[in-house]
Structure formats: C-alpha cells, structure tokens
C-alpha cells in the first residue's frame, strides 16, 4: 500500500492586530515559525481540530470559524519525500489564555504582520494576508 497524504489543520488566531505563532519543535520545518496546528483526528471537524491543536500547543482558547484556505506541505528528508500534508487554515477569534509553549511548540508569541520572526514556515505570509482583520 502506498503512502497517502495526511490532513492537518492550523489555527489562525488574531488579537489586537497581532497573530499567534508557534516555533515548531518537530519536522517538517522544525525551528520555523508557523501557526499552531497538527493532524485532524477521526470524526473531528476542522474547526474542532484547530481549536484542540491551539489549546494543546499554546493554552489559548479561541472560537474557530470555517476554513478559509488550504495548502500543501511537501518536505523532503535525505532526498526523498518524507512528509505530505494537506493543511486547512481555520480562522479563530481569541477568547482567553496567556500563550505558553507546550506539546510540540518550542516558543509561542503574538506578532504584528510587519514584525514577524524568522525563519517562517512556507505560505505563512500569504495566510496572514488572507486572514488579517479589516
């Protein structure tokens, strides 16, 4: 049986014109800054999965909306494809919690779109642009 892509969700949460980002602990893109997220669990809606991953990685609670973007994560290791995810971005409205890095996050913080940390996960700036509050 050949490998199949995995479905993942990311939580894109804004508070006072800043977006919540985590520094990834594990591949793909270990050490890069991205959105809290991970694999969607069996029977879980995309909004519920994004809320769960957000809570597990940061301790922050948010009311999650519907998905607004979808993108591929293809990452090689040792010259071969090692990770293939279809990631679904879900926007959330901050409710409560002080961010603390937990689960598979090295660090977590709120960032203004014009002062983002480095290095960034692929597509992050595009997702920020698509989700920014008016």
N, C-alpha and C. Protein backbone atom coordinates (compact mmCIF):
# COMPACT_ATOMS: atom_id res chain seq x y z
N UNK A 1 0.85 -1.19 0.00
CA UNK A 1 0.00 0.00 0.00
C UNK A 1 0.89 1.25 0.00
N UNK A 2 0.60 2.16 -0.90
CA UNK A 2 1.42 3.37 -0.98
C UNK A 2 0.98 4.38 0.07
N UNK A 3 1.92 5.23 0.48
CA UNK A 3 1.56 6.25 1.48
C UNK A 3 0.53 7.22 0.93
N UNK A 4 -0.24 7.80 1.83
CA UNK A 4 -1.27 8.77 1.44
C UNK A 4 -1.03 10.07 2.19
N UNK A 5 -1.41 11.20 1.60
CA UNK A 5 -1.29 12.48 2.31
C UNK A 5 -2.12 12.46 3.59
N UNK A 6 -1.67 13.21 4.57
CA UNK A 6 -2.41 13.36 5.82
C UNK A 6 -3.09 14.73 5.82
N UNK A 7 -4.24 14.80 6.47
CA UNK A 7 -4.97 16.07 6.58
C UNK A 7 -4.62 16.70 7.92
N UNK A 8 -4.24 17.97 7.85
CA UNK A 8 -3.94 18.71 9.06
C UNK A 8 -4.72 20.02 9.09
N UNK A 9 -4.76 20.62 10.26
CA UNK A 9 -5.44 21.90 10.44
C UNK A 9 -4.50 22.87 11.14
N UNK A 10 -4.64 24.14 10.82
CA UNK A 10 -3.90 25.18 11.54
C UNK A 10 -4.89 26.21 12.07
N UNK A 11 -4.58 26.75 13.23
CA UNK A 11 -5.41 27.77 13.87
C UNK A 11 -4.78 29.14 13.63
N UNK A 12 -5.48 30.01 12.92
CA UNK A 12 -5.00 31.36 12.63
C UNK A 12 -5.80 32.30 13.52
N UNK A 13 -5.18 32.71 14.63
CA UNK A 13 -5.89 33.48 15.65
C UNK A 13 -5.28 34.87 15.77
N UNK A 14 -6.15 35.87 15.73
CA UNK A 14 -5.76 37.28 15.85
C UNK A 14 -6.24 37.85 17.18
N UNK A 15 -5.43 38.77 17.73
CA UNK A 15 -5.82 39.54 18.91
C UNK A 15 -5.15 40.90 18.81
N UNK A 16 -5.92 41.96 18.79
CA UNK A 16 -5.40 43.33 18.73
C UNK A 16 -4.38 43.52 17.61
N UNK A 17 -4.75 43.13 16.40
CA UNK A 17 -3.91 43.29 15.20
C UNK A 17 -2.61 42.48 15.24
N UNK A 18 -2.56 41.48 16.12
CA UNK A 18 -1.41 40.57 16.16
C UNK A 18 -1.90 39.14 15.98
N UNK A 19 -1.06 38.31 15.37
CA UNK A 19 -1.39 36.93 15.10
C UNK A 19 -0.53 36.03 15.98
N UNK A 20 -1.10 34.91 16.42
CA UNK A 20 -0.41 33.98 17.30
C UNK A 20 0.41 32.98 16.48
N UNK A 21 1.71 32.90 16.76
CA UNK A 21 2.59 31.97 16.06
C UNK A 21 3.35 31.11 17.06
N UNK A 22 3.68 29.89 16.62
CA UNK A 22 4.50 28.98 17.42
C UNK A 22 5.77 28.65 16.65
N UNK A 23 6.83 28.40 17.39
CA UNK A 23 8.04 27.89 16.76
C UNK A 23 7.98 26.37 16.84
N UNK A 24 8.05 25.71 15.68
CA UNK A 24 7.85 24.27 15.58
C UNK A 24 9.02 23.49 16.19
N UNK A 25 8.67 22.45 16.95
CA UNK A 25 9.68 21.61 17.57
C UNK A 25 10.10 20.45 16.66
N UNK A 26 9.17 19.95 15.83
CA UNK A 26 9.42 18.74 15.04
C UNK A 26 9.26 18.99 13.54
N UNK A 27 9.86 18.13 12.71
CA UNK A 27 9.66 18.22 11.25
C UNK A 27 8.21 17.98 10.89
N UNK A 28 7.73 18.47 9.77
CA UNK A 28 8.50 19.29 8.84
C UNK A 28 8.67 20.72 9.36
N UNK A 29 9.71 21.36 8.92
CA UNK A 29 10.01 22.76 9.23
C UNK A 29 10.31 23.00 10.72
N UNK A 30 11.00 22.06 11.35
CA UNK A 30 11.41 22.24 12.75
C UNK A 30 12.20 23.54 12.89
N UNK A 31 11.93 24.29 13.96
CA UNK A 31 12.61 25.56 14.22
C UNK A 31 11.99 26.75 13.52
N UNK A 32 11.12 26.52 12.56
CA UNK A 32 10.46 27.61 11.85
C UNK A 32 9.22 28.07 12.63
N UNK A 33 8.83 29.31 12.37
CA UNK A 33 7.63 29.87 12.99
C UNK A 33 6.43 29.62 12.08
N UNK A 34 5.34 29.17 12.68
CA UNK A 34 4.12 28.90 11.94
C UNK A 34 2.92 29.01 12.85
N UNK A 35 1.82 28.52 12.38
CA UNK A 35 0.58 28.56 13.17
C UNK A 35 0.46 27.29 14.00
N UNK A 36 -0.20 27.37 15.15
CA UNK A 36 -0.48 26.14 15.89
C UNK A 36 -1.32 25.21 15.03
N UNK A 37 -1.01 23.94 15.05
CA UNK A 37 -1.79 23.01 14.24
C UNK A 37 -1.23 21.61 14.29
N UNK A 38 -1.92 20.73 13.60
CA UNK A 38 -1.50 19.34 13.55
C UNK A 38 -2.51 18.49 12.82
N UNK A 39 -2.39 17.19 12.99
CA UNK A 39 -3.24 16.24 12.28
C UNK A 39 -4.69 16.30 12.78
N UNK A 40 -5.59 16.22 11.82
CA UNK A 40 -7.01 16.14 12.13
C UNK A 40 -7.32 14.73 12.61
N UNK A 41 -8.06 14.59 13.69
CA UNK A 41 -8.40 13.28 14.23
C UNK A 41 -9.69 12.75 13.62
N UNK A 42 -9.83 11.46 13.63
CA UNK A 42 -11.00 10.78 13.08
C UNK A 42 -12.28 11.32 13.73
N UNK A 43 -13.26 11.73 12.91
CA UNK A 43 -14.55 12.22 13.40
C UNK A 43 -14.54 13.66 13.88
N UNK A 44 -13.42 14.35 13.77
CA UNK A 44 -13.28 15.71 14.26
C UNK A 44 -13.54 16.70 13.12
N UNK A 45 -14.30 17.74 13.38
CA UNK A 45 -14.47 18.78 12.37
C UNK A 45 -13.18 19.59 12.28
N UNK A 46 -13.02 20.31 11.18
CA UNK A 46 -11.82 21.13 11.02
C UNK A 46 -11.74 22.21 12.10
N UNK A 47 -12.88 22.83 12.44
CA UNK A 47 -12.89 23.86 13.48
C UNK A 47 -12.53 23.26 14.84
N UNK A 48 -13.08 22.10 15.16
CA UNK A 48 -12.78 21.45 16.44
C UNK A 48 -11.32 21.03 16.50
N UNK A 49 -10.78 20.53 15.40
CA UNK A 49 -9.38 20.13 15.37
C UNK A 49 -8.45 21.31 15.55
N UNK A 50 -8.76 22.42 14.89
CA UNK A 50 -7.94 23.62 15.03
C UNK A 50 -7.99 24.14 16.46
N UNK A 51 -9.17 24.13 17.08
CA UNK A 51 -9.30 24.58 18.47
C UNK A 51 -8.51 23.67 19.42
N UNK A 52 -8.57 22.37 19.19
CA UNK A 52 -7.83 21.41 20.03
C UNK A 52 -6.33 21.63 19.90
N UNK A 53 -5.83 21.71 18.66
CA UNK A 53 -4.40 21.91 18.45
C UNK A 53 -3.94 23.23 19.08
N UNK A 54 -4.72 24.28 18.92
CA UNK A 54 -4.40 25.58 19.52
C UNK A 54 -4.26 25.45 21.03
N UNK A 55 -5.22 24.80 21.65
CA UNK A 55 -5.22 24.62 23.11
C UNK A 55 -4.02 23.77 23.56
N UNK A 56 -3.77 22.66 22.84
CA UNK A 56 -2.67 21.76 23.21
C UNK A 56 -1.30 22.43 23.09
N UNK A 57 -1.10 23.22 22.04
CA UNK A 57 0.21 23.81 21.79
C UNK A 57 0.45 25.11 22.52
N UNK A 58 -0.62 25.85 22.86
CA UNK A 58 -0.43 27.20 23.41
C UNK A 58 -1.21 27.49 24.69
N UNK A 59 -2.24 26.71 25.00
CA UNK A 59 -3.09 27.01 26.15
C UNK A 59 -4.12 28.09 25.87
N UNK A 60 -4.14 28.62 24.64
CA UNK A 60 -5.07 29.69 24.27
C UNK A 60 -6.40 29.07 23.80
N UNK A 61 -7.49 29.72 24.16
CA UNK A 61 -8.82 29.31 23.71
C UNK A 61 -9.33 30.32 22.70
N UNK A 62 -9.93 29.80 21.64
CA UNK A 62 -10.50 30.67 20.60
C UNK A 62 -11.74 30.02 20.03
N UNK A 63 -12.66 30.86 19.58
CA UNK A 63 -13.83 30.38 18.85
C UNK A 63 -13.42 30.28 17.39
N UNK A 64 -13.44 29.06 16.86
CA UNK A 64 -12.96 28.84 15.50
C UNK A 64 -14.10 28.96 14.50
N UNK A 65 -13.80 29.59 13.35
CA UNK A 65 -14.76 29.76 12.27
C UNK A 65 -14.64 28.59 11.29
N UNK A 66 -14.97 28.86 10.05
CA UNK A 66 -14.89 27.88 8.97
C UNK A 66 -13.51 27.99 8.30
N UNK A 67 -13.09 26.97 7.56
CA UNK A 67 -11.82 27.03 6.84
C UNK A 67 -11.84 28.13 5.79
N UNK A 68 -10.68 28.78 5.58
CA UNK A 68 -10.62 29.84 4.58
C UNK A 68 -9.50 29.62 3.57
N UNK A 69 -8.63 28.66 3.80
CA UNK A 69 -7.53 28.38 2.86
C UNK A 69 -7.05 26.96 3.04
N UNK A 70 -6.47 26.42 1.99
CA UNK A 70 -5.93 25.07 2.01
C UNK A 70 -4.63 25.09 1.22
N UNK A 71 -3.61 24.37 1.71
CA UNK A 71 -2.34 24.36 1.00
C UNK A 71 -1.60 23.06 1.27
N UNK A 72 -0.59 22.79 0.42
CA UNK A 72 0.22 21.58 0.51
C UNK A 72 1.46 21.82 1.34
N UNK A 73 1.84 20.82 2.12
CA UNK A 73 3.14 20.81 2.78
C UNK A 73 3.85 19.54 2.31
N UNK A 74 4.86 19.75 1.47
CA UNK A 74 5.68 18.65 0.95
C UNK A 74 7.10 18.90 1.43
N UNK A 75 7.66 17.97 2.17
CA UNK A 75 9.00 18.16 2.72
C UNK A 75 9.83 16.90 2.50
N UNK A 76 11.04 17.12 2.04
CA UNK A 76 11.97 16.02 1.79
C UNK A 76 12.95 15.86 2.94
N UNK A 77 13.39 14.63 3.13
CA UNK A 77 14.49 14.31 4.04
C UNK A 77 15.35 13.28 3.33
N UNK A 78 16.64 13.49 3.32
CA UNK A 78 17.58 12.58 2.65
C UNK A 78 17.22 12.36 1.18
N UNK A 79 16.76 13.42 0.52
CA UNK A 79 16.48 13.35 -0.90
C UNK A 79 15.20 12.65 -1.30
N UNK A 80 14.35 12.34 -0.35
CA UNK A 80 13.07 11.70 -0.70
C UNK A 80 11.93 12.38 0.06
N UNK A 81 10.75 12.26 -0.49
CA UNK A 81 9.57 12.86 0.14
C UNK A 81 9.29 12.16 1.47
N UNK A 82 9.32 12.92 2.56
CA UNK A 82 9.13 12.35 3.89
C UNK A 82 7.82 12.80 4.53
N UNK A 83 7.29 13.94 4.10
CA UNK A 83 6.06 14.47 4.68
C UNK A 83 5.17 15.02 3.57
N UNK A 84 3.91 14.64 3.59
CA UNK A 84 2.93 15.20 2.66
C UNK A 84 1.64 15.43 3.43
N UNK A 85 1.37 16.69 3.70
CA UNK A 85 0.16 17.09 4.41
C UNK A 85 -0.67 18.00 3.53
N UNK A 86 -1.96 17.91 3.65
CA UNK A 86 -2.89 18.88 3.11
C UNK A 86 -3.37 19.65 4.34
N UNK A 87 -2.94 20.92 4.42
CA UNK A 87 -3.25 21.72 5.61
C UNK A 87 -4.41 22.67 5.33
N UNK A 88 -5.35 22.69 6.25
CA UNK A 88 -6.53 23.53 6.15
C UNK A 88 -6.43 24.62 7.22
N UNK A 89 -6.49 25.87 6.78
CA UNK A 89 -6.40 27.01 7.68
C UNK A 89 -7.79 27.41 8.16
N UNK A 90 -7.92 27.54 9.49
CA UNK A 90 -9.19 27.92 10.11
C UNK A 90 -8.93 29.17 10.95
N UNK A 91 -9.71 30.20 10.71
CA UNK A 91 -9.54 31.45 11.47
C UNK A 91 -10.27 31.35 12.80
N UNK A 92 -9.65 31.89 13.84
CA UNK A 92 -10.24 31.86 15.16
C UNK A 92 -10.29 33.23 15.79
N UNK A 93 -11.26 33.40 16.68
CA UNK A 93 -11.40 34.65 17.44
C UNK A 93 -10.93 34.37 18.87
N UNK A 94 -9.88 35.05 19.28
CA UNK A 94 -9.31 34.88 20.61
C UNK A 94 -10.39 35.03 21.68
N UNK A 95 -10.37 34.11 22.65
CA UNK A 95 -11.28 34.19 23.79
C UNK A 95 -10.54 34.42 25.09
N UNK A 96 -9.54 33.56 25.37
CA UNK A 96 -8.82 33.70 26.64
C UNK A 96 -7.52 32.89 26.62
N UNK A 97 -6.71 33.15 27.62
CA UNK A 97 -5.48 32.39 27.80
C UNK A 97 -4.24 33.19 27.50
N UNK A 98 -3.20 32.94 28.28
CA UNK A 98 -1.88 33.50 28.04
C UNK A 98 -1.07 32.42 27.34
N UNK A 99 -0.50 32.72 26.16
CA UNK A 99 0.21 31.69 25.42
C UNK A 99 1.43 31.14 26.17
N UNK A 100 1.50 29.82 26.22
CA UNK A 100 2.64 29.11 26.81
C UNK A 100 2.98 27.98 25.85
N UNK A 101 4.26 27.87 25.48
CA UNK A 101 4.69 26.80 24.56
C UNK A 101 4.52 25.45 25.24
N UNK A 102 3.78 24.57 24.60
CA UNK A 102 3.53 23.23 25.13
C UNK A 102 3.46 22.26 23.96
N UNK A 103 3.27 20.98 24.25
CA UNK A 103 3.11 19.93 23.25
C UNK A 103 4.29 19.97 22.27
N UNK A 104 4.06 20.31 21.00
CA UNK A 104 5.17 20.31 20.05
C UNK A 104 5.59 21.71 19.60
N UNK A 105 5.49 22.68 20.52
CA UNK A 105 5.94 24.05 20.25
C UNK A 105 7.16 24.37 21.11
N UNK A 106 8.17 24.99 20.49
CA UNK A 106 9.36 25.44 21.23
C UNK A 106 9.11 26.79 21.89
N UNK A 107 8.36 27.65 21.21
CA UNK A 107 8.08 29.00 21.69
C UNK A 107 6.76 29.44 21.08
N UNK A 108 6.13 30.44 21.69
CA UNK A 108 4.86 30.97 21.19
C UNK A 108 4.78 32.44 21.57
N UNK A 109 4.19 33.24 20.66
CA UNK A 109 4.01 34.66 20.96
C UNK A 109 3.07 35.28 19.94
N UNK A 110 2.62 36.49 20.27
CA UNK A 110 1.81 37.29 19.36
C UNK A 110 2.74 38.16 18.54
N UNK A 111 2.46 38.29 17.22
CA UNK A 111 3.31 39.09 16.34
C UNK A 111 2.47 39.98 15.44
N UNK A 112 2.99 41.18 15.20
CA UNK A 112 2.41 42.07 14.20
C UNK A 112 2.86 41.59 12.83
N UNK A 113 2.00 41.69 11.81
CA UNK A 113 2.40 41.26 10.46
C UNK A 113 3.62 41.98 9.92
N UNK A 114 3.92 43.17 10.43
CA UNK A 114 5.11 43.89 9.94
C UNK A 114 6.34 43.65 10.80
N UNK A 115 6.27 42.73 11.76
CA UNK A 115 7.42 42.39 12.61
C UNK A 115 7.41 40.89 12.92
N UNK A 116 7.44 40.09 11.86
CA UNK A 116 7.37 38.63 12.02
C UNK A 116 8.74 38.05 12.36
N UNK A 117 8.76 36.95 13.12
CA UNK A 117 10.03 36.30 13.45
C UNK A 117 10.59 35.55 12.24
N UNK A 118 11.77 34.99 12.40
CA UNK A 118 12.40 34.26 11.32
C UNK A 118 13.08 33.02 11.89
N UNK A 119 13.14 31.95 11.12
CA UNK A 119 12.57 31.72 9.80
C UNK A 119 11.09 31.38 9.88
N UNK A 120 10.38 31.62 8.78
CA UNK A 120 8.94 31.36 8.71
C UNK A 120 8.66 30.09 7.92
N UNK A 121 7.58 29.41 8.29
CA UNK A 121 7.09 28.27 7.51
C UNK A 121 6.60 28.78 6.15
N UNK A 122 6.69 27.92 5.12
CA UNK A 122 6.19 28.33 3.80
C UNK A 122 4.72 28.75 3.87
N UNK A 123 4.33 29.69 3.03
CA UNK A 123 2.95 30.17 2.88
C UNK A 123 2.45 31.00 4.06
N UNK A 124 3.25 31.18 5.11
CA UNK A 124 2.76 31.88 6.29
C UNK A 124 2.33 33.31 5.98
N UNK A 125 3.14 34.04 5.24
CA UNK A 125 2.80 35.43 4.96
C UNK A 125 1.55 35.54 4.09
N UNK A 126 1.35 34.61 3.17
CA UNK A 126 0.14 34.58 2.36
C UNK A 126 -1.09 34.32 3.22
N UNK A 127 -0.99 33.40 4.15
CA UNK A 127 -2.11 33.08 5.04
C UNK A 127 -2.43 34.27 5.93
N UNK A 128 -1.40 34.94 6.44
CA UNK A 128 -1.63 36.13 7.24
C UNK A 128 -2.37 37.19 6.44
N UNK A 129 -1.93 37.42 5.20
CA UNK A 129 -2.58 38.41 4.36
C UNK A 129 -4.04 38.06 4.11
N UNK A 130 -4.35 36.79 3.90
CA UNK A 130 -5.73 36.37 3.65
C UNK A 130 -6.62 36.43 4.86
N UNK A 131 -6.03 36.40 6.05
CA UNK A 131 -6.84 36.29 7.26
C UNK A 131 -6.86 37.57 8.10
N UNK A 132 -6.05 38.56 7.75
CA UNK A 132 -5.92 39.76 8.57
C UNK A 132 -7.26 40.47 8.77
N UNK A 133 -7.50 40.93 10.00
CA UNK A 133 -8.73 41.67 10.26
C UNK A 133 -8.77 42.97 9.46
N UNK A 134 -9.95 43.38 9.10
CA UNK A 134 -10.12 44.61 8.31
C UNK A 134 -9.86 45.84 9.15
